[in-house]
Amino acid sequence: MFNLRVMNSNENRFMKKNMNNTDRLIRAVFALIFAALYYNNIANNTWAVVFLVIACILAVTSFISFCPLYKLFGISTCSKKTT
């Protein structure tokens, strides 16, 4: 019924880092801007909630260095490691 297996260290992780530090910084700055718009009551009712949700999403993706949309579209801003 359930297919459980242990991943080897060679296998890809589900949430592999796909954002570089510049991308993370930009997201963090925009998260702070949207949070400030919410906190200072600059936005009204619905927009305030939208700004708060966007701020949370940007902050979380910035913190974990992973963007699900980047994964969906096959985008990565991380530099390629050369061996």
N, C-alpha and C. Protein backbone atom coordinates (compact mmCIF):
# COMPACT_ATOMS: atom_id res chain seq x y z
N MET A 1 0.82 -1.18 0.00
CA MET A 1 0.00 0.00 0.00
C MET A 1 0.87 1.26 0.00
N PHE A 2 1.81 1.38 0.94
CA PHE A 2 2.71 2.52 0.98
C PHE A 2 4.08 2.08 0.51
N ASN A 3 4.68 2.89 -0.33
CA ASN A 3 6.00 2.58 -0.84
C ASN A 3 7.01 3.49 -0.13
N LEU A 4 7.66 2.94 0.90
CA LEU A 4 8.63 3.71 1.66
C LEU A 4 10.02 3.26 1.26
N ARG A 5 10.92 4.23 1.10
CA ARG A 5 12.30 3.87 0.82
C ARG A 5 13.21 4.95 1.36
N VAL A 6 14.41 4.56 1.67
CA VAL A 6 15.40 5.49 2.21
C VAL A 6 16.21 6.04 1.05
N MET A 7 16.41 7.37 1.05
CA MET A 7 17.16 7.99 -0.03
C MET A 7 18.65 7.85 0.23
N ASN A 8 19.39 7.58 -0.81
CA ASN A 8 20.85 7.58 -0.72
C ASN A 8 21.34 9.01 -0.70
N SER A 9 22.58 9.20 -0.29
CA SER A 9 23.13 10.55 -0.28
C SER A 9 23.35 11.08 -1.69
N ASN A 10 23.37 10.19 -2.69
CA ASN A 10 23.58 10.61 -4.08
C ASN A 10 22.30 11.09 -4.75
N GLU A 11 21.15 10.76 -4.18
CA GLU A 11 19.87 11.14 -4.79
C GLU A 11 19.56 12.60 -4.51
N ASN A 12 18.81 13.21 -5.43
CA ASN A 12 18.42 14.61 -5.27
C ASN A 12 17.40 14.75 -4.16
N ARG A 13 17.51 15.83 -3.43
CA ARG A 13 16.51 16.15 -2.43
C ARG A 13 15.35 16.86 -3.12
N PHE A 14 14.19 16.83 -2.48
CA PHE A 14 13.01 17.49 -3.05
C PHE A 14 13.20 19.00 -3.08
N MET A 15 13.68 19.57 -1.99
CA MET A 15 13.84 21.02 -1.90
C MET A 15 15.30 21.40 -2.02
N LYS A 16 15.85 21.21 -3.18
CA LYS A 16 17.23 21.58 -3.45
C LYS A 16 17.31 23.09 -3.60
N LYS A 17 18.34 23.70 -3.06
CA LYS A 17 18.52 25.15 -3.11
C LYS A 17 18.51 25.63 -4.56
N ASN A 18 17.67 26.63 -4.87
CA ASN A 18 17.61 27.14 -6.23
C ASN A 18 17.62 28.68 -6.29
N MET A 19 18.07 29.32 -5.21
CA MET A 19 18.16 30.78 -5.19
C MET A 19 19.55 31.20 -4.69
N ASN A 20 20.12 32.21 -5.33
CA ASN A 20 21.40 32.72 -4.85
C ASN A 20 21.17 33.81 -3.80
N ASN A 21 22.24 34.33 -3.24
CA ASN A 21 22.13 35.30 -2.15
C ASN A 21 21.49 36.62 -2.58
N THR A 22 21.75 37.05 -3.81
CA THR A 22 21.14 38.29 -4.30
C THR A 22 19.63 38.15 -4.40
N ASP A 23 19.18 37.03 -4.92
CA ASP A 23 17.75 36.74 -5.03
C ASP A 23 17.11 36.70 -3.64
N ARG A 24 17.79 36.08 -2.69
CA ARG A 24 17.29 36.00 -1.32
C ARG A 24 17.18 37.39 -0.70
N LEU A 25 18.18 38.24 -0.93
CA LEU A 25 18.17 39.59 -0.38
C LEU A 25 17.03 40.42 -0.96
N ILE A 26 16.83 40.32 -2.26
CA ILE A 26 15.73 41.06 -2.91
C ILE A 26 14.39 40.62 -2.35
N ARG A 27 14.21 39.32 -2.18
CA ARG A 27 12.95 38.81 -1.61
C ARG A 27 12.76 39.30 -0.18
N ALA A 28 13.83 39.31 0.60
CA ALA A 28 13.73 39.77 1.99
C ALA A 28 13.35 41.25 2.06
N VAL A 29 13.93 42.05 1.18
CA VAL A 29 13.61 43.49 1.15
C VAL A 29 12.15 43.70 0.78
N PHE A 30 11.68 43.00 -0.24
CA PHE A 30 10.27 43.13 -0.62
C PHE A 30 9.34 42.61 0.47
N ALA A 31 9.74 41.57 1.17
CA ALA A 31 8.95 41.06 2.29
C ALA A 31 8.82 42.13 3.36
N LEU A 32 9.91 42.83 3.65
CA LEU A 32 9.86 43.91 4.64
C LEU A 32 8.98 45.06 4.18
N ILE A 33 9.05 45.38 2.89
CA ILE A 33 8.21 46.46 2.35
C ILE A 33 6.73 46.10 2.47
N PHE A 34 6.37 44.89 2.05
CA PHE A 34 4.97 44.48 2.13
C PHE A 34 4.49 44.37 3.57
N ALA A 35 5.36 43.91 4.46
CA ALA A 35 4.99 43.84 5.87
C ALA A 35 4.79 45.24 6.45
N ALA A 36 5.63 46.19 6.03
CA ALA A 36 5.48 47.57 6.49
C ALA A 36 4.17 48.19 5.99
N LEU A 37 3.80 47.89 4.75
CA LEU A 37 2.52 48.38 4.21
C LEU A 37 1.36 47.84 5.04
N TYR A 38 1.46 46.60 5.44
CA TYR A 38 0.41 46.00 6.26
C TYR A 38 0.41 46.60 7.67
N TYR A 39 1.59 46.65 8.28
CA TYR A 39 1.71 47.10 9.66
C TYR A 39 1.29 48.56 9.84
N ASN A 40 1.62 49.41 8.89
CA ASN A 40 1.31 50.83 8.99
C ASN A 40 -0.07 51.19 8.46
N ASN A 41 -0.88 50.19 8.16
CA ASN A 41 -2.26 50.40 7.68
C ASN A 41 -2.33 51.26 6.44
N ILE A 42 -1.33 51.15 5.58
CA ILE A 42 -1.34 51.89 4.32
C ILE A 42 -2.31 51.24 3.34
N ALA A 43 -2.37 49.93 3.38
CA ALA A 43 -3.28 49.19 2.51
C ALA A 43 -4.61 48.99 3.24
N ASN A 44 -5.69 48.90 2.45
CA ASN A 44 -7.02 48.70 3.02
C ASN A 44 -7.37 47.22 3.01
N ASN A 45 -8.32 46.85 3.79
CA ASN A 45 -8.87 45.51 4.01
C ASN A 45 -8.26 44.38 3.21
N THR A 46 -8.74 44.16 2.01
CA THR A 46 -8.31 43.02 1.20
C THR A 46 -6.85 43.15 0.81
N TRP A 47 -6.44 44.34 0.42
CA TRP A 47 -5.04 44.53 0.02
C TRP A 47 -4.09 44.30 1.18
N ALA A 48 -4.52 44.63 2.38
CA ALA A 48 -3.67 44.40 3.55
C ALA A 48 -3.40 42.91 3.73
N VAL A 49 -4.42 42.10 3.57
CA VAL A 49 -4.26 40.64 3.70
C VAL A 49 -3.39 40.12 2.56
N VAL A 50 -3.59 40.61 1.36
CA VAL A 50 -2.78 40.19 0.22
C VAL A 50 -1.31 40.53 0.45
N PHE A 51 -1.04 41.74 0.93
CA PHE A 51 0.34 42.15 1.20
C PHE A 51 0.96 41.29 2.30
N LEU A 52 0.19 40.96 3.32
CA LEU A 52 0.71 40.12 4.40
C LEU A 52 1.04 38.72 3.91
N VAL A 53 0.19 38.15 3.09
CA VAL A 53 0.44 36.81 2.53
C VAL A 53 1.68 36.84 1.64
N ILE A 54 1.79 37.84 0.78
CA ILE A 54 2.97 37.96 -0.09
C ILE A 54 4.23 38.12 0.74
N ALA A 55 4.17 38.94 1.79
CA ALA A 55 5.33 39.14 2.66
C ALA A 55 5.75 37.82 3.31
N CYS A 56 4.79 37.04 3.76
CA CYS A 56 5.10 35.75 4.39
C CYS A 56 5.74 34.78 3.40
N ILE A 57 5.19 34.71 2.20
CA ILE A 57 5.73 33.82 1.18
C ILE A 57 7.15 34.23 0.81
N LEU A 58 7.37 35.50 0.60
CA LEU A 58 8.71 35.99 0.25
C LEU A 58 9.70 35.73 1.37
N ALA A 59 9.28 35.95 2.60
CA ALA A 59 10.18 35.74 3.74
C ALA A 59 10.56 34.27 3.88
N VAL A 60 9.59 33.38 3.75
CA VAL A 60 9.86 31.95 3.90
C VAL A 60 10.76 31.45 2.77
N THR A 61 10.45 31.81 1.53
CA THR A 61 11.28 31.35 0.42
C THR A 61 12.68 31.93 0.50
N SER A 62 12.80 33.15 1.01
CA SER A 62 14.12 33.74 1.19
C SER A 62 14.91 33.00 2.26
N PHE A 63 14.25 32.63 3.33
CA PHE A 63 14.90 31.94 4.44
C PHE A 63 15.38 30.54 4.07
N ILE A 64 14.57 29.80 3.30
CA ILE A 64 14.94 28.42 2.98
C ILE A 64 15.68 28.28 1.65
N SER A 65 15.85 29.38 0.92
CA SER A 65 16.58 29.39 -0.37
C SER A 65 15.95 28.47 -1.41
N PHE A 66 14.66 28.32 -1.35
CA PHE A 66 13.97 27.45 -2.30
C PHE A 66 12.67 28.12 -2.73
N CYS A 67 12.46 28.19 -4.05
CA CYS A 67 11.23 28.76 -4.59
C CYS A 67 10.51 27.66 -5.39
N PRO A 68 9.30 27.28 -4.98
CA PRO A 68 8.56 26.25 -5.70
C PRO A 68 8.28 26.61 -7.16
N LEU A 69 8.05 27.90 -7.45
CA LEU A 69 7.82 28.31 -8.84
C LEU A 69 9.07 28.13 -9.68
N TYR A 70 10.24 28.41 -9.10
CA TYR A 70 11.49 28.17 -9.82
C TYR A 70 11.61 26.69 -10.16
N LYS A 71 11.26 25.83 -9.21
CA LYS A 71 11.33 24.38 -9.43
C LYS A 71 10.36 23.97 -10.54
N LEU A 72 9.16 24.53 -10.51
CA LEU A 72 8.13 24.21 -11.51
C LEU A 72 8.59 24.58 -12.92
N PHE A 73 9.23 25.74 -13.07
CA PHE A 73 9.67 26.21 -14.38
C PHE A 73 11.11 25.85 -14.71
N GLY A 74 11.78 25.15 -13.81
CA GLY A 74 13.16 24.73 -14.07
C GLY A 74 14.17 25.85 -14.00
N ILE A 75 13.91 26.86 -13.18
CA ILE A 75 14.80 28.01 -13.05
C ILE A 75 15.66 27.83 -11.81
N SER A 76 16.90 28.25 -11.89
CA SER A 76 17.78 28.27 -10.74
C SER A 76 18.72 29.46 -10.86
N THR A 77 18.79 30.28 -9.82
CA THR A 77 19.70 31.41 -9.84
C THR A 77 21.01 31.08 -9.12
N CYS A 78 21.12 29.86 -8.63
CA CYS A 78 22.37 29.42 -7.98
C CYS A 78 23.44 29.24 -9.05
N SER A 79 24.66 29.53 -8.67
CA SER A 79 25.75 29.31 -9.62
C SER A 79 26.03 27.81 -9.69
N LYS A 80 26.40 27.37 -10.86
CA LYS A 80 26.72 25.96 -11.07
C LYS A 80 28.08 25.68 -10.47
N LYS A 81 28.17 24.57 -9.74
CA LYS A 81 29.46 24.18 -9.18
C LYS A 81 30.23 23.40 -10.23
N THR A 82 31.47 23.81 -10.43
CA THR A 82 32.31 23.11 -11.40
C THR A 82 33.25 22.17 -10.65
N THR A 83 33.39 20.98 -11.17
CA THR A 83 34.26 19.99 -10.52
C THR A 83 35.42 19.63 -11.41
